[in-house]
Amino acid sequence: MLNKIVENKIQLLFISLIFGALFFTVSCNKECDNIADNKYPYLKVINENDDNNVITSVKLVDYTFENLSINVGESQTFTLDKGMPGGYDNINVNVSHKYGGVTRFQNIKVNFHNGDTTTIILKGCISYEGCQGFYLEYKP
């Protein structure tokens, strides 16, 4: 009878350890995902120009995103997971956009922070249409 009680307690302890380990693993995965999400900065590029130019590439130090097709009204977010050797402040971002076989380039300096999304928006139109031309707007 005593052996049966000891055996039941050992089984209960074993089951408790399994559930504890399972709980720890599940909770760690959620927390670890959040930590991983905050590990890198993100760059979001939005196309809001008035002349249907398509964004075809985005370049910044150690990153080149080419063969893009971000149409007016669309956006794309990039994870900057390779780090930046010069830091995250005052980084030049080059955006190329194209319409009718003509490629144009816009540049803007922005800051990045781990876990945050830095947003740039392509706006404007061809300058001879009576506007100030194409430009990038920065939203930290």
C-alpha atoms as a PDB file:
ATOM      1  CA  MET A   1       0.000   0.000   0.000  1.00  0.00           C
ATOM      2  CA  LEU A   2       2.843   2.385   0.884  1.00  0.00           C
ATOM      3  CA  ASN A   3       4.548   1.549  -2.410  1.00  0.00           C
ATOM      4  CA  LYS A   4       1.341   2.458  -4.292  1.00  0.00           C
ATOM      5  CA  ILE A   5       1.162   5.873  -2.553  1.00  0.00           C
ATOM      6  CA  VAL A   6       4.822   6.586  -3.340  1.00  0.00           C
ATOM      7  CA  GLU A   7       4.278   5.458  -6.940  1.00  0.00           C
ATOM      8  CA  ASN A   8       1.241   7.784  -7.302  1.00  0.00           C
ATOM      9  CA  LYS A   9       3.202  10.736  -5.885  1.00  0.00           C
ATOM     10  CA  ILE A  10       6.071  10.072  -8.297  1.00  0.00           C
ATOM     11  CA  GLN A  11       3.611   9.940 -11.218  1.00  0.00           C
ATOM     12  CA  LEU A  12       1.981  13.186 -10.058  1.00  0.00           C
ATOM     13  CA  LEU A  13       5.381  14.858  -9.740  1.00  0.00           C
ATOM     14  CA  PHE A  14       6.391  13.623 -13.194  1.00  0.00           C
ATOM     15  CA  ILE A  15       3.152  14.914 -14.767  1.00  0.00           C
ATOM     16  CA  SER A  16       3.612  18.268 -13.000  1.00  0.00           C
ATOM     17  CA  LEU A  17       7.134  18.551 -14.396  1.00  0.00           C
ATOM     18  CA  ILE A  18       5.905  17.811 -17.918  1.00  0.00           C
ATOM     19  CA  PHE A  19       3.137  20.435 -17.706  1.00  0.00           C
ATOM     20  CA  GLY A  20       5.550  22.941 -16.170  1.00  0.00           C
ATOM     21  CA  ALA A  21       8.058  22.420 -18.965  1.00  0.00           C
ATOM     22  CA  LEU A  22       5.295  22.681 -21.566  1.00  0.00           C
ATOM     23  CA  PHE A  23       3.980  25.906 -20.009  1.00  0.00           C
ATOM     24  CA  PHE A  24       7.489  27.379 -19.876  1.00  0.00           C
ATOM     25  CA  THR A  25       8.131  26.464 -23.519  1.00  0.00           C
ATOM     26  CA  VAL A  26       4.863  28.000 -24.743  1.00  0.00           C
ATOM     27  CA  SER A  27       5.264  31.182 -22.720  1.00  0.00           C
ATOM     28  CA  CYS A  28       8.908  31.532 -23.755  1.00  0.00           C
ATOM     29  CA  ASN A  29       7.977  31.174 -27.424  1.00  0.00           C
ATOM     30  CA  LYS A  30       5.519  34.081 -27.212  1.00  0.00           C
ATOM     31  CA  GLU A  31       7.944  36.259 -25.270  1.00  0.00           C
ATOM     32  CA  CYS A  32      10.872  35.241 -27.465  1.00  0.00           C
ATOM     33  CA  ASP A  33       8.863  36.150 -30.579  1.00  0.00           C
ATOM     34  CA  ASN A  34       8.210  39.594 -29.129  1.00  0.00           C
ATOM     35  CA  ILE A  35      11.900  39.991 -28.336  1.00  0.00           C
ATOM     36  CA  ALA A  36      12.814  38.889 -31.868  1.00  0.00           C
ATOM     37  CA  ASP A  37      10.305  41.397 -33.299  1.00  0.00           C
ATOM     38  CA  ASN A  38      12.047  44.171 -31.346  1.00  0.00           C
ATOM     39  CA  LYS A  39      15.522  43.091 -32.370  1.00  0.00           C
ATOM     40  CA  TYR A  40      15.586  44.825 -35.761  1.00  0.00           C
ATOM     41  CA  PRO A  41      14.370  48.085 -37.272  1.00  0.00           C
ATOM     42  CA  TYR A  42      11.897  48.085 -40.156  1.00  0.00           C
ATOM     43  CA  LEU A  43      11.525  50.329 -43.190  1.00  0.00           C
ATOM     44  CA  LYS A  44       8.080  50.829 -44.681  1.00  0.00           C
ATOM     45  CA  VAL A  45       7.867  52.391 -48.145  1.00  0.00           C
ATOM     46  CA  ILE A  46       4.513  53.792 -49.286  1.00  0.00           C
ATOM     47  CA  ASN A  47       3.736  54.937 -52.822  1.00  0.00           C
ATOM     48  CA  GLU A  48       1.393  57.959 -52.930  1.00  0.00           C
ATOM     49  CA  ASN A  49       2.682  59.835 -55.990  1.00  0.00           C
ATOM     50  CA  ASP A  50       0.240  61.538 -58.359  1.00  0.00           C
ATOM     51  CA  ASP A  51       1.620  60.197 -61.655  1.00  0.00           C
ATOM     52  CA  ASN A  52       1.372  56.410 -61.326  1.00  0.00           C
ATOM     53  CA  ASN A  53       5.124  55.948 -60.950  1.00  0.00           C
ATOM     54  CA  VAL A  54       5.975  52.467 -59.672  1.00  0.00           C
ATOM     55  CA  ILE A  55       8.664  52.107 -57.004  1.00  0.00           C
ATOM     56  CA  THR A  56      11.233  49.698 -58.412  1.00  0.00           C
ATOM     57  CA  SER A  57      14.048  49.676 -55.831  1.00  0.00           C
ATOM     58  CA  VAL A  58      15.013  50.828 -52.344  1.00  0.00           C
ATOM     59  CA  LYS A  59      18.647  51.134 -51.316  1.00  0.00           C
ATOM     60  CA  LEU A  60      20.423  52.038 -48.097  1.00  0.00           C
ATOM     61  CA  VAL A  61      23.727  51.147 -46.518  1.00  0.00           C
ATOM     62  CA  ASP A  62      24.231  47.333 -46.717  1.00  0.00           C
ATOM     63  CA  TYR A  63      20.719  46.788 -48.163  1.00  0.00           C
ATOM     64  CA  THR A  64      19.456  46.662 -51.730  1.00  0.00           C
ATOM     65  CA  PHE A  65      15.853  45.747 -52.476  1.00  0.00           C
ATOM     66  CA  GLU A  66      15.456  45.513 -56.246  1.00  0.00           C
ATOM     67  CA  ASN A  67      12.930  44.232 -58.769  1.00  0.00           C
ATOM     68  CA  LEU A  68      10.127  45.776 -56.719  1.00  0.00           C
ATOM     69  CA  SER A  69       6.745  46.764 -58.058  1.00  0.00           C
ATOM     70  CA  ILE A  70       5.123  48.987 -55.436  1.00  0.00           C
ATOM     71  CA  ASN A  71       2.233  50.663 -57.235  1.00  0.00           C
ATOM     72  CA  VAL A  72       0.389  53.810 -56.186  1.00  0.00           C
ATOM     73  CA  GLY A  73      -1.659  53.051 -53.072  1.00  0.00           C
ATOM     74  CA  GLU A  74       0.555  50.130 -52.070  1.00  0.00           C
ATOM     75  CA  SER A  75       3.339  49.727 -49.540  1.00  0.00           C
ATOM     76  CA  GLN A  76       6.028  47.255 -48.587  1.00  0.00           C
ATOM     77  CA  THR A  77       7.854  46.758 -45.288  1.00  0.00           C
ATOM     78  CA  PHE A  78      11.453  45.584 -45.107  1.00  0.00           C
ATOM     79  CA  THR A  79      13.198  44.001 -42.104  1.00  0.00           C
ATOM     80  CA  LEU A  80      16.685  45.422 -41.649  1.00  0.00           C
ATOM     81  CA  ASP A  81      18.147  42.341 -40.006  1.00  0.00           C
ATOM     82  CA  LYS A  82      21.804  42.642 -41.088  1.00  0.00           C
ATOM     83  CA  GLY A  83      22.555  45.596 -38.828  1.00  0.00           C
ATOM     84  CA  MET A  84      24.091  48.892 -39.878  1.00  0.00           C
ATOM     85  CA  PRO A  85      27.809  49.427 -39.367  1.00  0.00           C
ATOM     86  CA  GLY A  86      27.513  53.205 -39.050  1.00  0.00           C
ATOM     87  CA  GLY A  87      24.620  53.200 -36.607  1.00  0.00           C
ATOM     88  CA  TYR A  88      20.948  53.939 -37.113  1.00  0.00           C
ATOM     89  CA  ASP A  89      20.973  57.738 -37.354  1.00  0.00           C
ATOM     90  CA  ASN A  90      21.011  59.925 -40.453  1.00  0.00           C
ATOM     91  CA  ILE A  91      20.889  57.006 -42.911  1.00  0.00           C
ATOM     92  CA  ASN A  92      20.447  57.877 -46.596  1.00  0.00           C
ATOM     93  CA  VAL A  93      17.643  55.951 -48.324  1.00  0.00           C
ATOM     94  CA  ASN A  94      17.464  55.958 -52.127  1.00  0.00           C
ATOM     95  CA  VAL A  95      14.142  55.147 -53.790  1.00  0.00           C
ATOM     96  CA  SER A  96      13.902  54.657 -57.547  1.00  0.00           C
ATOM     97  CA  HIS A  97      10.572  54.915 -59.321  1.00  0.00           C
ATOM     98  CA  LYS A  98       9.637  54.467 -62.936  1.00  0.00           C
ATOM     99  CA  TYR A  99       6.948  55.425 -65.412  1.00  0.00           C
ATOM    100  CA  GLY A 100       6.973  55.172 -69.194  1.00  0.00           C
ATOM    101  CA  GLY A 101      10.547  53.961 -69.378  1.00  0.00           C
ATOM    102  CA  VAL A 102      11.899  56.901 -67.338  1.00  0.00           C
ATOM    103  CA  THR A 103      13.520  56.079 -64.005  1.00  0.00           C
ATOM    104  CA  ARG A 104      13.800  58.752 -61.326  1.00  0.00           C
ATOM    105  CA  PHE A 105      15.607  58.701 -57.980  1.00  0.00           C
ATOM    106  CA  GLN A 106      14.728  60.339 -54.666  1.00  0.00           C
ATOM    107  CA  ASN A 107      16.903  60.404 -51.548  1.00  0.00           C
ATOM    108  CA  ILE A 108      16.093  61.107 -47.922  1.00  0.00           C
ATOM    109  CA  LYS A 109      17.971  60.805 -44.628  1.00  0.00           C
ATOM    110  CA  VAL A 110      16.144  58.939 -41.861  1.00  0.00           C
ATOM    111  CA  ASN A 111      16.720  57.428 -38.409  1.00  0.00           C
ATOM    112  CA  PHE A 112      16.006  53.868 -37.327  1.00  0.00           C
ATOM    113  CA  HIS A 113      15.319  52.244 -33.944  1.00  0.00           C
ATOM    114  CA  ASN A 114      15.171  48.535 -33.081  1.00  0.00           C
ATOM    115  CA  GLY A 115      11.595  47.289 -33.040  1.00  0.00           C
ATOM    116  CA  ASP A 116      10.232  50.445 -34.705  1.00  0.00           C
ATOM    117  CA  THR A 117       9.068  51.024 -38.258  1.00  0.00           C
ATOM    118  CA  THR A 118      10.452  54.039 -40.090  1.00  0.00           C
ATOM    119  CA  THR A 119       8.104  55.104 -42.880  1.00  0.00           C
ATOM    120  CA  ILE A 120       8.922  56.979 -46.060  1.00  0.00           C
ATOM    121  CA  ILE A 121       6.310  58.016 -48.593  1.00  0.00           C
ATOM    122  CA  LEU A 122       6.858  58.801 -52.280  1.00  0.00           C
ATOM    123  CA  LYS A 123       4.736  61.839 -53.141  1.00  0.00           C
ATOM    124  CA  GLY A 124       4.442  64.494 -55.819  1.00  0.00           C
ATOM    125  CA  CYS A 125       4.299  64.555 -59.586  1.00  0.00           C
ATOM    126  CA  ILE A 126       6.377  65.543 -62.610  1.00  0.00           C
ATOM    127  CA  SER A 127       7.500  69.128 -61.960  1.00  0.00           C
ATOM    128  CA  TYR A 128       6.352  70.502 -65.322  1.00  0.00           C
ATOM    129  CA  GLU A 129       2.765  69.596 -64.350  1.00  0.00           C
ATOM    130  CA  GLY A 130       2.658  72.529 -61.948  1.00  0.00           C
ATOM    131  CA  CYS A 131       3.765  70.804 -58.750  1.00  0.00           C
ATOM    132  CA  GLN A 132       7.065  70.766 -56.887  1.00  0.00           C
ATOM    133  CA  GLY A 133       8.192  67.456 -58.397  1.00  0.00           C
ATOM    134  CA  PHE A 134       8.633  64.106 -56.721  1.00  0.00           C
ATOM    135  CA  TYR A 135       9.819  63.935 -53.117  1.00  0.00           C
ATOM    136  CA  LEU A 136      10.037  61.593 -50.163  1.00  0.00           C
ATOM    137  CA  GLU A 137       8.257  62.292 -46.886  1.00  0.00           C
ATOM    138  CA  TYR A 138       9.709  60.856 -43.671  1.00  0.00           C
ATOM    139  CA  LYS A 139       7.561  59.622 -40.794  1.00  0.00           C
ATOM    140  CA  PRO A 140       9.692  58.372 -37.901  1.00  0.00           C
END
